[in-house]
PDB file of N, CA and C in Angstrom:
ATOM      1  N   UNK A   1     -65.946  24.749  22.313  1.00  0.00           N
ATOM      2  CA  UNK A   1     -65.756  24.372  23.703  1.00  0.00           C
ATOM      3  C   UNK A   1     -64.305  24.660  24.070  1.00  0.00           C
ATOM      4  N   UNK A   2     -64.105  25.363  25.149  1.00  0.00           N
ATOM      5  CA  UNK A   2     -62.765  25.670  25.635  1.00  0.00           C
ATOM      6  C   UNK A   2     -62.528  24.870  26.910  1.00  0.00           C
ATOM      7  N   UNK A   3     -61.436  24.130  26.922  1.00  0.00           N
ATOM      8  CA  UNK A   3     -61.071  23.353  28.111  1.00  0.00           C
ATOM      9  C   UNK A   3     -59.798  23.917  28.688  1.00  0.00           C
ATOM     10  N   UNK A   4     -59.751  24.025  29.965  1.00  0.00           N
ATOM     11  CA  UNK A   4     -58.514  24.466  30.610  1.00  0.00           C
ATOM     12  C   UNK A   4     -57.944  23.305  31.403  1.00  0.00           C
ATOM     13  N   UNK A   5     -56.668  23.364  31.590  1.00  0.00           N
ATOM     14  CA  UNK A   5     -55.982  22.292  32.301  1.00  0.00           C
ATOM     15  C   UNK A   5     -54.997  22.905  33.277  1.00  0.00           C
ATOM     16  N   UNK A   6     -55.053  22.498  34.510  1.00  0.00           N
ATOM     17  CA  UNK A   6     -54.152  22.997  35.531  1.00  0.00           C
ATOM     18  C   UNK A   6     -53.117  21.924  35.841  1.00  0.00           C
ATOM     19  N   UNK A   7     -51.852  22.291  35.744  1.00  0.00           N
ATOM     20  CA  UNK A   7     -50.771  21.351  36.033  1.00  0.00           C
ATOM     21  C   UNK A   7     -50.075  21.761  37.315  1.00  0.00           C
ATOM     22  N   UNK A   8     -49.730  20.794  38.114  1.00  0.00           N
ATOM     23  CA  UNK A   8     -48.989  21.026  39.346  1.00  0.00           C
ATOM     24  C   UNK A   8     -47.613  20.403  39.185  1.00  0.00           C
ATOM     25  N   UNK A   9     -46.587  21.218  39.342  1.00  0.00           N
ATOM     26  CA  UNK A   9     -45.217  20.736  39.254  1.00  0.00           C
ATOM     27  C   UNK A   9     -44.565  21.010  40.599  1.00  0.00           C
ATOM     28  N   UNK A  10     -44.019  19.990  41.205  1.00  0.00           N
ATOM     29  CA  UNK A  10     -43.345  20.127  42.483  1.00  0.00           C
ATOM     30  C   UNK A  10     -41.847  20.047  42.235  1.00  0.00           C
ATOM     31  N   UNK A  11     -41.133  21.064  42.641  1.00  0.00           N
ATOM     32  CA  UNK A  11     -39.686  21.113  42.445  1.00  0.00           C
ATOM     33  C   UNK A  11     -38.989  21.035  43.792  1.00  0.00           C
ATOM     34  N   UNK A  12     -37.867  20.372  43.795  1.00  0.00           N
ATOM     35  CA  UNK A  12     -37.071  20.274  45.027  1.00  0.00           C
ATOM     36  C   UNK A  12     -36.358  21.595  45.274  1.00  0.00           C
ATOM     37  N   UNK A  13     -36.243  21.973  46.519  1.00  0.00           N
ATOM     38  CA  UNK A  13     -35.475  23.164  46.864  1.00  0.00           C
ATOM     39  C   UNK A  13     -34.482  22.802  47.952  1.00  0.00           C
ATOM     40  N   UNK A  14     -33.418  23.544  47.997  1.00  0.00           N
ATOM     41  CA  UNK A  14     -32.400  23.261  49.003  1.00  0.00           C
ATOM     42  C   UNK A  14     -32.640  24.112  50.245  1.00  0.00           C
ATOM     43  N   UNK A  15     -32.153  23.634  51.372  1.00  0.00           N
ATOM     44  CA  UNK A  15     -32.329  24.344  52.638  1.00  0.00           C
ATOM     45  C   UNK A  15     -31.389  25.532  52.741  1.00  0.00           C
ATOM     46  N   UNK A  16     -30.303  25.512  52.025  1.00  0.00           N
ATOM     47  CA  UNK A  16     -29.292  26.559  52.109  1.00  0.00           C
ATOM     48  C   UNK A  16     -29.200  27.299  50.784  1.00  0.00           C
ATOM     49  N   UNK A  17     -28.998  28.595  50.835  1.00  0.00           N
ATOM     50  CA  UNK A  17     -28.867  29.385  49.615  1.00  0.00           C
ATOM     51  C   UNK A  17     -27.560  29.083  48.892  1.00  0.00           C
ATOM     52  N   UNK A  18     -26.568  28.556  49.598  1.00  0.00           N
ATOM     53  CA  UNK A  18     -25.283  28.256  48.974  1.00  0.00           C
ATOM     54  C   UNK A  18     -25.220  26.827  48.452  1.00  0.00           C
ATOM     55  N   UNK A  19     -26.130  25.998  48.881  1.00  0.00           N
ATOM     56  CA  UNK A  19     -26.151  24.609  48.441  1.00  0.00           C
ATOM     57  C   UNK A  19     -26.866  24.516  47.095  1.00  0.00           C
ATOM     58  N   UNK A  20     -26.283  23.788  46.155  1.00  0.00           N
ATOM     59  CA  UNK A  20     -26.893  23.615  44.839  1.00  0.00           C
ATOM     60  C   UNK A  20     -27.652  22.305  44.844  1.00  0.00           C
ATOM     61  N   UNK A  21     -28.910  22.358  44.432  1.00  0.00           N
ATOM     62  CA  UNK A  21     -29.707  21.136  44.434  1.00  0.00           C
ATOM     63  C   UNK A  21     -29.166  20.155  43.399  1.00  0.00           C
ATOM     64  N   UNK A  22     -29.493  18.893  43.589  1.00  0.00           N
ATOM     65  CA  UNK A  22     -29.039  17.820  42.712  1.00  0.00           C
ATOM     66  C   UNK A  22     -29.424  18.086  41.256  1.00  0.00           C
ATOM     67  N   UNK A  23     -30.668  18.500  41.015  1.00  0.00           N
ATOM     68  CA  UNK A  23     -31.138  18.704  39.647  1.00  0.00           C
ATOM     69  C   UNK A  23     -30.483  19.897  38.973  1.00  0.00           C
ATOM     70  N   UNK A  24     -30.000  20.857  39.759  1.00  0.00           N
ATOM     71  CA  UNK A  24     -29.295  21.996  39.175  1.00  0.00           C
ATOM     72  C   UNK A  24     -27.956  21.584  38.572  1.00  0.00           C
ATOM     73  N   UNK A  25     -27.408  20.462  39.032  1.00  0.00           N
ATOM     74  CA  UNK A  25     -26.106  20.002  38.547  1.00  0.00           C
ATOM     75  C   UNK A  25     -26.222  19.000  37.397  1.00  0.00           C
ATOM     76  N   UNK A  26     -27.430  18.592  37.031  1.00  0.00           N
ATOM     77  CA  UNK A  26     -27.626  17.597  35.977  1.00  0.00           C
ATOM     78  C   UNK A  26     -27.514  18.274  34.616  1.00  0.00           C
ATOM     79  N   UNK A  27     -26.724  17.705  33.725  1.00  0.00           N
ATOM     80  CA  UNK A  27     -26.619  18.206  32.362  1.00  0.00           C
ATOM     81  C   UNK A  27     -27.650  17.456  31.522  1.00  0.00           C
ATOM     82  N   UNK A  28     -28.846  18.019  31.454  1.00  0.00           N
ATOM     83  CA  UNK A  28     -29.947  17.360  30.754  1.00  0.00           C
ATOM     84  C   UNK A  28     -29.651  17.168  29.262  1.00  0.00           C
ATOM     85  N   UNK A  29     -28.865  18.056  28.672  1.00  0.00           N
ATOM     86  CA  UNK A  29     -28.559  17.929  27.251  1.00  0.00           C
ATOM     87  C   UNK A  29     -27.720  16.694  26.941  1.00  0.00           C
ATOM     88  N   UNK A  30     -26.958  16.209  27.919  1.00  0.00           N
ATOM     89  CA  UNK A  30     -26.184  14.981  27.699  1.00  0.00           C
ATOM     90  C   UNK A  30     -27.090  13.759  27.583  1.00  0.00           C
ATOM     91  N   UNK A  31     -28.326  13.885  28.081  1.00  0.00           N
ATOM     92  CA  UNK A  31     -29.287  12.781  27.982  1.00  0.00           C
ATOM     93  C   UNK A  31     -30.033  12.803  26.653  1.00  0.00           C
ATOM     94  N   UNK A  32     -29.883  13.888  25.895  1.00  0.00           N
ATOM     95  CA  UNK A  32     -30.589  14.001  24.627  1.00  0.00           C
ATOM     96  C   UNK A  32     -29.841  13.251  23.536  1.00  0.00           C
ATOM     97  N   UNK A  33     -30.598  12.495  22.747  1.00  0.00           N
ATOM     98  CA  UNK A  33     -30.052  11.777  21.603  1.00  0.00           C
ATOM     99  C   UNK A  33     -31.045  11.983  20.460  1.00  0.00           C
ATOM    100  N   UNK A  34     -30.845  13.045  19.691  1.00  0.00           N
ATOM    101  CA  UNK A  34     -31.829  13.400  18.680  1.00  0.00           C
ATOM    102  C   UNK A  34     -33.102  13.841  19.380  1.00  0.00           C
ATOM    103  N   UNK A  35     -34.201  13.177  19.086  1.00  0.00           N
ATOM    104  CA  UNK A  35     -35.459  13.510  19.754  1.00  0.00           C
ATOM    105  C   UNK A  35     -35.742  12.572  20.927  1.00  0.00           C
ATOM    106  N   UNK A  36     -34.799  11.705  21.245  1.00  0.00           N
ATOM    107  CA  UNK A  36     -34.960  10.743  22.342  1.00  0.00           C
ATOM    108  C   UNK A  36     -34.209  11.209  23.583  1.00  0.00           C
ATOM    109  N   UNK A  37     -34.580  10.616  24.720  1.00  0.00           N
ATOM    110  CA  UNK A  37     -33.845  10.775  25.966  1.00  0.00           C
ATOM    111  C   UNK A  37     -33.186   9.432  26.244  1.00  0.00           C
ATOM    112  N   UNK A  38     -31.881   9.431  26.412  1.00  0.00           N
ATOM    113  CA  UNK A  38     -31.157   8.183  26.676  1.00  0.00           C
ATOM    114  C   UNK A  38     -30.249   8.379  27.874  1.00  0.00           C
ATOM    115  N   UNK A  39     -30.223   7.398  28.721  1.00  0.00           N
ATOM    116  CA  UNK A  39     -29.352   7.471  29.875  1.00  0.00           C
ATOM    117  C   UNK A  39     -29.208   6.108  30.511  1.00  0.00           C
ATOM    118  N   UNK A  40     -28.363   6.030  31.525  1.00  0.00           N
ATOM    119  CA  UNK A  40     -28.124   4.801  32.268  1.00  0.00           C
ATOM    120  C   UNK A  40     -28.934   4.880  33.553  1.00  0.00           C
ATOM    121  N   UNK A  41     -29.872   3.958  33.726  1.00  0.00           N
ATOM    122  CA  UNK A  41     -30.766   3.980  34.886  1.00  0.00           C
ATOM    123  C   UNK A  41     -30.357   2.984  35.971  1.00  0.00           C
ATOM    124  N   UNK A  42     -29.536   2.002  35.629  1.00  0.00           N
ATOM    125  CA  UNK A  42     -29.173   0.946  36.573  1.00  0.00           C
ATOM    126  C   UNK A  42     -27.673   0.693  36.487  1.00  0.00           C
ATOM    127  N   UNK A  43     -27.038   0.543  37.650  1.00  0.00           N
ATOM    128  CA  UNK A  43     -25.611   0.216  37.676  1.00  0.00           C
ATOM    129  C   UNK A  43     -25.382  -1.165  37.076  1.00  0.00           C
ATOM    130  N   UNK A  44     -24.191  -1.373  36.542  1.00  0.00           N
ATOM    131  CA  UNK A  44     -23.868  -2.698  36.042  1.00  0.00           C
ATOM    132  C   UNK A  44     -22.960  -2.697  34.833  1.00  0.00           C
ATOM    133  N   UNK A  45     -22.849  -1.564  34.144  1.00  0.00           N
ATOM    134  CA  UNK A  45     -21.963  -1.482  32.991  1.00  0.00           C
ATOM    135  C   UNK A  45     -20.744  -0.668  33.409  1.00  0.00           C
ATOM    136  N   UNK A  46     -19.579  -1.305  33.364  1.00  0.00           N
ATOM    137  CA  UNK A  46     -18.351  -0.653  33.795  1.00  0.00           C
ATOM    138  C   UNK A  46     -18.076   0.591  32.958  1.00  0.00           C
ATOM    139  N   UNK A  47     -17.744   1.683  33.627  1.00  0.00           N
ATOM    140  CA  UNK A  47     -17.419   2.925  32.936  1.00  0.00           C
ATOM    141  C   UNK A  47     -18.621   3.776  32.576  1.00  0.00           C
ATOM    142  N   UNK A  48     -19.828   3.321  32.887  1.00  0.00           N
ATOM    143  CA  UNK A  48     -21.032   4.095  32.599  1.00  0.00           C
ATOM    144  C   UNK A  48     -21.794   4.357  33.892  1.00  0.00           C
ATOM    145  N   UNK A  49     -21.639   5.558  34.455  1.00  0.00           N
ATOM    146  CA  UNK A  49     -22.329   5.874  35.707  1.00  0.00           C
ATOM    147  C   UNK A  49     -23.827   6.086  35.476  1.00  0.00           C
ATOM    148  N   UNK A  50     -24.603   5.856  36.514  1.00  0.00           N
ATOM    149  CA  UNK A  50     -26.045   6.090  36.437  1.00  0.00           C
ATOM    150  C   UNK A  50     -26.273   7.591  36.316  1.00  0.00           C
ATOM    151  N   UNK A  51     -26.992   8.001  35.272  1.00  0.00           N
ATOM    152  CA  UNK A  51     -27.297   9.420  35.085  1.00  0.00           C
ATOM    153  C   UNK A  51     -28.779   9.680  34.832  1.00  0.00           C
ATOM    154  N   UNK A  52     -29.568   8.623  34.736  1.00  0.00           N
ATOM    155  CA  UNK A  52     -31.012   8.764  34.548  1.00  0.00           C
ATOM    156  C   UNK A  52     -31.698   8.239  35.802  1.00  0.00           C
ATOM    157  N   UNK A  53     -31.650   9.060  36.845  1.00  0.00           N
ATOM    158  CA  UNK A  53     -32.206   8.686  38.142  1.00  0.00           C
ATOM    159  C   UNK A  53     -33.704   9.008  38.179  1.00  0.00           C
ATOM    160  N   UNK A  54     -34.365   8.570  39.235  1.00  0.00           N
ATOM    161  CA  UNK A  54     -35.794   8.850  39.372  1.00  0.00           C
ATOM    162  C   UNK A  54     -36.092  10.357  39.403  1.00  0.00           C
ATOM    163  N   UNK A  55     -35.348  11.162  40.180  1.00  0.00           N
ATOM    164  CA  UNK A  55     -35.623  12.608  40.154  1.00  0.00           C
ATOM    165  C   UNK A  55     -35.417  13.236  38.773  1.00  0.00           C
ATOM    166  N   UNK A  56     -34.413  12.768  38.030  1.00  0.00           N
ATOM    167  CA  UNK A  56     -34.172  13.287  36.684  1.00  0.00           C
ATOM    168  C   UNK A  56     -35.333  12.912  35.766  1.00  0.00           C
ATOM    169  N   UNK A  57     -35.795  11.673  35.831  1.00  0.00           N
ATOM    170  CA  UNK A  57     -36.926  11.232  35.013  1.00  0.00           C
ATOM    171  C   UNK A  57     -38.187  12.023  35.360  1.00  0.00           C
ATOM    172  N   UNK A  58     -38.401  12.286  36.652  1.00  0.00           N
ATOM    173  CA  UNK A  58     -39.564  13.075  37.067  1.00  0.00           C
ATOM    174  C   UNK A  58     -39.471  14.506  36.545  1.00  0.00           C
ATOM    175  N   UNK A  59     -38.289  15.096  36.575  1.00  0.00           N
ATOM    176  CA  UNK A  59     -38.111  16.462  36.072  1.00  0.00           C
ATOM    177  C   UNK A  59     -38.363  16.524  34.573  1.00  0.00           C
ATOM    178  N   UNK A  60     -37.899  15.533  33.836  1.00  0.00           N
ATOM    179  CA  UNK A  60     -38.131  15.484  32.387  1.00  0.00           C
ATOM    180  C   UNK A  60     -39.622  15.331  32.114  1.00  0.00           C
ATOM    181  N   UNK A  61     -40.277  14.449  32.861  1.00  0.00           N
ATOM    182  CA  UNK A  61     -41.723  14.255  32.689  1.00  0.00           C
ATOM    183  C   UNK A  61     -42.508  15.512  33.011  1.00  0.00           C
ATOM    184  N   UNK A  62     -42.131  16.218  34.073  1.00  0.00           N
ATOM    185  CA  UNK A  62     -42.816  17.460  34.447  1.00  0.00           C
ATOM    186  C   UNK A  62     -42.632  18.522  33.367  1.00  0.00           C
ATOM    187  N   UNK A  63     -41.422  18.627  32.828  1.00  0.00           N
ATOM    188  CA  UNK A  63     -41.169  19.595  31.765  1.00  0.00           C
ATOM    189  C   UNK A  63     -41.971  19.256  30.518  1.00  0.00           C
ATOM    190  N   UNK A  64     -42.038  17.981  30.165  1.00  0.00           N
ATOM    191  CA  UNK A  64     -42.827  17.556  29.010  1.00  0.00           C
ATOM    192  C   UNK A  64     -44.290  17.906  29.209  1.00  0.00           C
ATOM    193  N   UNK A  65     -44.791  17.682  30.438  1.00  0.00           N
ATOM    194  CA  UNK A  65     -46.190  17.992  30.735  1.00  0.00           C
ATOM    195  C   UNK A  65     -46.465  19.489  30.610  1.00  0.00           C
ATOM    196  N   UNK A  66     -45.511  20.319  31.041  1.00  0.00           N
ATOM    197  CA  UNK A  66     -45.693  21.766  30.909  1.00  0.00           C
ATOM    198  C   UNK A  66     -45.764  22.189  29.458  1.00  0.00           C
ATOM    199  N   UNK A  67     -44.947  21.558  28.606  1.00  0.00           N
ATOM    200  CA  UNK A  67     -44.910  21.915  27.199  1.00  0.00           C
ATOM    201  C   UNK A  67     -46.065  21.334  26.402  1.00  0.00           C
ATOM    202  N   UNK A  68     -46.480  20.130  26.735  1.00  0.00           N
ATOM    203  CA  UNK A  68     -47.457  19.402  25.912  1.00  0.00           C
ATOM    204  C   UNK A  68     -48.717  19.006  26.649  1.00  0.00           C
ATOM    205  N   UNK A  69     -48.815  19.359  27.935  1.00  0.00           N
ATOM    206  CA  UNK A  69     -49.923  18.892  28.759  1.00  0.00           C
ATOM    207  C   UNK A  69     -51.179  19.623  28.617  1.00  0.00           C
TER     208      UNK A  69
END
């Protein structure tokens, strides 16, 4: 039995060709810790800016789905 699976990934695009989208500026490798993803999702720790935002988490999830979905 062969099963196929169709995945839909929605990516943000910018209105201007000179404007860089938010996700293009994210250093995803800085969130990598071995085989884990680690980041700061909520403000509150001095000196640690939020770097694991909802769009970043969605992009990571979409990429994982493309690779393993």
